[in-house]
Amino acid sequence: MHLSEVDGLDVRKTWGIPAVVSPARDWPGAPGSRRGSRYVVNCETLQASRDEFDPFDSRLSCLNWIMSHRAALNETLPGATIRAVRLDRWLLGLD
């Protein structure tokens, strides 16, 4: 799903997404990034992305996904903490 399609989601649900913040400038997880840049995690590629994401129907299911893919995420996104956040708060820059 792309961020341009977010308006198609059911607004009655609280959607969760895996998110990451760049821990350093030109971070290997997102080359060319600035420290503090916010990204969603693409669940298919396990890469940091600005606009491709896979929403989960709850924060708990997102946390379960993060835990089950923890080793691969740590390899792909080194030095960063992957968190389960609410999609609406992430879009507003609050998480």
C-alpha atoms as a PDB file:
ATOM      1  CA  MET A   1       0.000   0.000   0.000  1.00  0.00           C
ATOM      2  CA  HIS A   2       1.189   3.535  -0.717  1.00  0.00           C
ATOM      3  CA  LEU A   3       0.552   6.526   1.495  1.00  0.00           C
ATOM      4  CA  SER A   4      -1.605   7.963  -1.273  1.00  0.00           C
ATOM      5  CA  GLU A   5      -4.040   5.082  -0.627  1.00  0.00           C
ATOM      6  CA  VAL A   6      -4.387   5.684   3.114  1.00  0.00           C
ATOM      7  CA  ASP A   7      -7.812   7.288   2.684  1.00  0.00           C
ATOM      8  CA  GLY A   8      -9.160   3.864   1.648  1.00  0.00           C
ATOM      9  CA  LEU A   9      -8.576   2.390   5.111  1.00  0.00           C
ATOM     10  CA  ASP A  10     -11.454   1.926   7.542  1.00  0.00           C
ATOM     11  CA  VAL A  11     -11.395   4.988   9.812  1.00  0.00           C
ATOM     12  CA  ARG A  12     -13.137   3.085  12.600  1.00  0.00           C
ATOM     13  CA  LYS A  13     -10.017   0.975  13.158  1.00  0.00           C
ATOM     14  CA  THR A  14      -6.753   1.962  14.769  1.00  0.00           C
ATOM     15  CA  TRP A  15      -4.115   0.802  12.303  1.00  0.00           C
ATOM     16  CA  GLY A  16      -0.605  -0.113  13.405  1.00  0.00           C
ATOM     17  CA  ILE A  17       2.578   0.082  11.350  1.00  0.00           C
ATOM     18  CA  PRO A  18       6.220  -0.758  12.005  1.00  0.00           C
ATOM     19  CA  ALA A  19       8.232   2.466  12.045  1.00  0.00           C
ATOM     20  CA  VAL A  20      11.876   3.368  12.413  1.00  0.00           C
ATOM     21  CA  VAL A  21      13.896   6.553  12.946  1.00  0.00           C
ATOM     22  CA  SER A  22      17.277   6.987  11.300  1.00  0.00           C
ATOM     23  CA  PRO A  23      19.860   6.837  14.112  1.00  0.00           C
ATOM     24  CA  ALA A  24      22.611   8.573  12.119  1.00  0.00           C
ATOM     25  CA  ARG A  25      23.269  10.627   9.026  1.00  0.00           C
ATOM     26  CA  ASP A  26      23.601   8.498   5.870  1.00  0.00           C
ATOM     27  CA  TRP A  27      22.374   5.464   7.804  1.00  0.00           C
ATOM     28  CA  PRO A  28      22.867   2.137   5.942  1.00  0.00           C
ATOM     29  CA  GLY A  29      19.149   1.348   6.385  1.00  0.00           C
ATOM     30  CA  ALA A  30      18.287   4.441   4.333  1.00  0.00           C
ATOM     31  CA  PRO A  31      21.332   5.776   2.471  1.00  0.00           C
ATOM     32  CA  GLY A  32      21.337   9.549   2.183  1.00  0.00           C
ATOM     33  CA  SER A  33      19.084   9.999   5.205  1.00  0.00           C
ATOM     34  CA  ARG A  34      19.491  12.589   7.919  1.00  0.00           C
ATOM     35  CA  ARG A  35      19.637  11.660  11.577  1.00  0.00           C
ATOM     36  CA  GLY A  36      16.083  11.598  12.948  1.00  0.00           C
ATOM     37  CA  SER A  37      14.371  10.929   9.604  1.00  0.00           C
ATOM     38  CA  ARG A  38      11.190   8.887  10.062  1.00  0.00           C
ATOM     39  CA  TYR A  39      10.344   5.855   7.960  1.00  0.00           C
ATOM     40  CA  VAL A  40       7.807   3.069   7.803  1.00  0.00           C
ATOM     41  CA  VAL A  41       9.045  -0.485   7.342  1.00  0.00           C
ATOM     42  CA  ASN A  42       7.949  -2.252   4.171  1.00  0.00           C
ATOM     43  CA  CYS A  43       6.874  -5.704   5.386  1.00  0.00           C
ATOM     44  CA  GLU A  44       7.771  -7.424   2.117  1.00  0.00           C
ATOM     45  CA  THR A  45      11.275  -6.037   1.665  1.00  0.00           C
ATOM     46  CA  LEU A  46      12.021  -5.237   5.342  1.00  0.00           C
ATOM     47  CA  GLN A  47      13.470  -1.923   4.109  1.00  0.00           C
ATOM     48  CA  ALA A  48      12.848   1.589   5.399  1.00  0.00           C
ATOM     49  CA  SER A  49      10.379   3.388   3.152  1.00  0.00           C
ATOM     50  CA  ARG A  50       8.802   6.816   2.930  1.00  0.00           C
ATOM     51  CA  ASP A  51       5.587   5.709   1.260  1.00  0.00           C
ATOM     52  CA  GLU A  52       5.219   1.920   0.983  1.00  0.00           C
ATOM     53  CA  PHE A  53       3.741   0.261   4.041  1.00  0.00           C
ATOM     54  CA  ASP A  54       1.566  -2.612   5.181  1.00  0.00           C
ATOM     55  CA  PRO A  55      -0.901  -1.645   7.904  1.00  0.00           C
ATOM     56  CA  PHE A  56      -1.812  -4.084  10.654  1.00  0.00           C
ATOM     57  CA  ASP A  57      -5.296  -4.188  12.141  1.00  0.00           C
ATOM     58  CA  SER A  58      -3.904  -3.675  15.642  1.00  0.00           C
ATOM     59  CA  ARG A  59      -0.749  -2.609  17.440  1.00  0.00           C
ATOM     60  CA  LEU A  60      -0.479  -6.109  18.911  1.00  0.00           C
ATOM     61  CA  SER A  61      -0.409  -7.811  15.508  1.00  0.00           C
ATOM     62  CA  CYS A  62       2.231  -5.303  14.400  1.00  0.00           C
ATOM     63  CA  LEU A  63       4.327  -6.074  17.506  1.00  0.00           C
ATOM     64  CA  ASN A  64       3.998  -9.807  16.822  1.00  0.00           C
ATOM     65  CA  TRP A  65       5.227  -9.268  13.266  1.00  0.00           C
ATOM     66  CA  ILE A  66       8.194  -7.213  14.483  1.00  0.00           C
ATOM     67  CA  MET A  67       9.159  -9.885  17.009  1.00  0.00           C
ATOM     68  CA  SER A  68       8.888 -12.712  14.494  1.00  0.00           C
ATOM     69  CA  HIS A  69      11.117 -10.811  12.018  1.00  0.00           C
ATOM     70  CA  ARG A  70      13.469  -9.273  14.589  1.00  0.00           C
ATOM     71  CA  ALA A  71      16.690 -10.919  13.355  1.00  0.00           C
ATOM     72  CA  ALA A  72      16.126  -9.946   9.718  1.00  0.00           C
ATOM     73  CA  LEU A  73      15.056  -6.411  10.700  1.00  0.00           C
ATOM     74  CA  ASN A  74      18.199  -5.941  12.804  1.00  0.00           C
ATOM     75  CA  GLU A  75      20.296  -6.990   9.815  1.00  0.00           C
ATOM     76  CA  THR A  76      18.447  -4.791   7.317  1.00  0.00           C
ATOM     77  CA  LEU A  77      18.004  -1.770   9.596  1.00  0.00           C
ATOM     78  CA  PRO A  78      21.172  -1.820  11.757  1.00  0.00           C
ATOM     79  CA  GLY A  79      21.372   0.263  14.897  1.00  0.00           C
ATOM     80  CA  ALA A  80      17.739   1.379  14.839  1.00  0.00           C
ATOM     81  CA  THR A  81      14.765   0.525  17.009  1.00  0.00           C
ATOM     82  CA  ILE A  82      11.744  -0.727  15.111  1.00  0.00           C
ATOM     83  CA  ARG A  83       8.542   0.265  16.895  1.00  0.00           C
ATOM     84  CA  ALA A  84       4.875  -0.480  16.409  1.00  0.00           C
ATOM     85  CA  VAL A  85       3.091   2.867  16.121  1.00  0.00           C
ATOM     86  CA  ARG A  86      -0.397   4.047  15.260  1.00  0.00           C
ATOM     87  CA  LEU A  87      -0.629   4.992  11.585  1.00  0.00           C
ATOM     88  CA  ASP A  88      -2.694   8.118  12.264  1.00  0.00           C
ATOM     89  CA  ARG A  89      -0.149   9.438  14.792  1.00  0.00           C
ATOM     90  CA  TRP A  90       2.754   8.625  12.454  1.00  0.00           C
ATOM     91  CA  LEU A  91       1.114  10.524   9.601  1.00  0.00           C
ATOM     92  CA  LEU A  92       0.718  13.553  11.879  1.00  0.00           C
ATOM     93  CA  GLY A  93       4.351  13.364  13.012  1.00  0.00           C
ATOM     94  CA  LEU A  94       3.409  12.526  16.604  1.00  0.00           C
ATOM     95  CA  ASP A  95       5.109   9.094  16.659  1.00  0.00           C
END
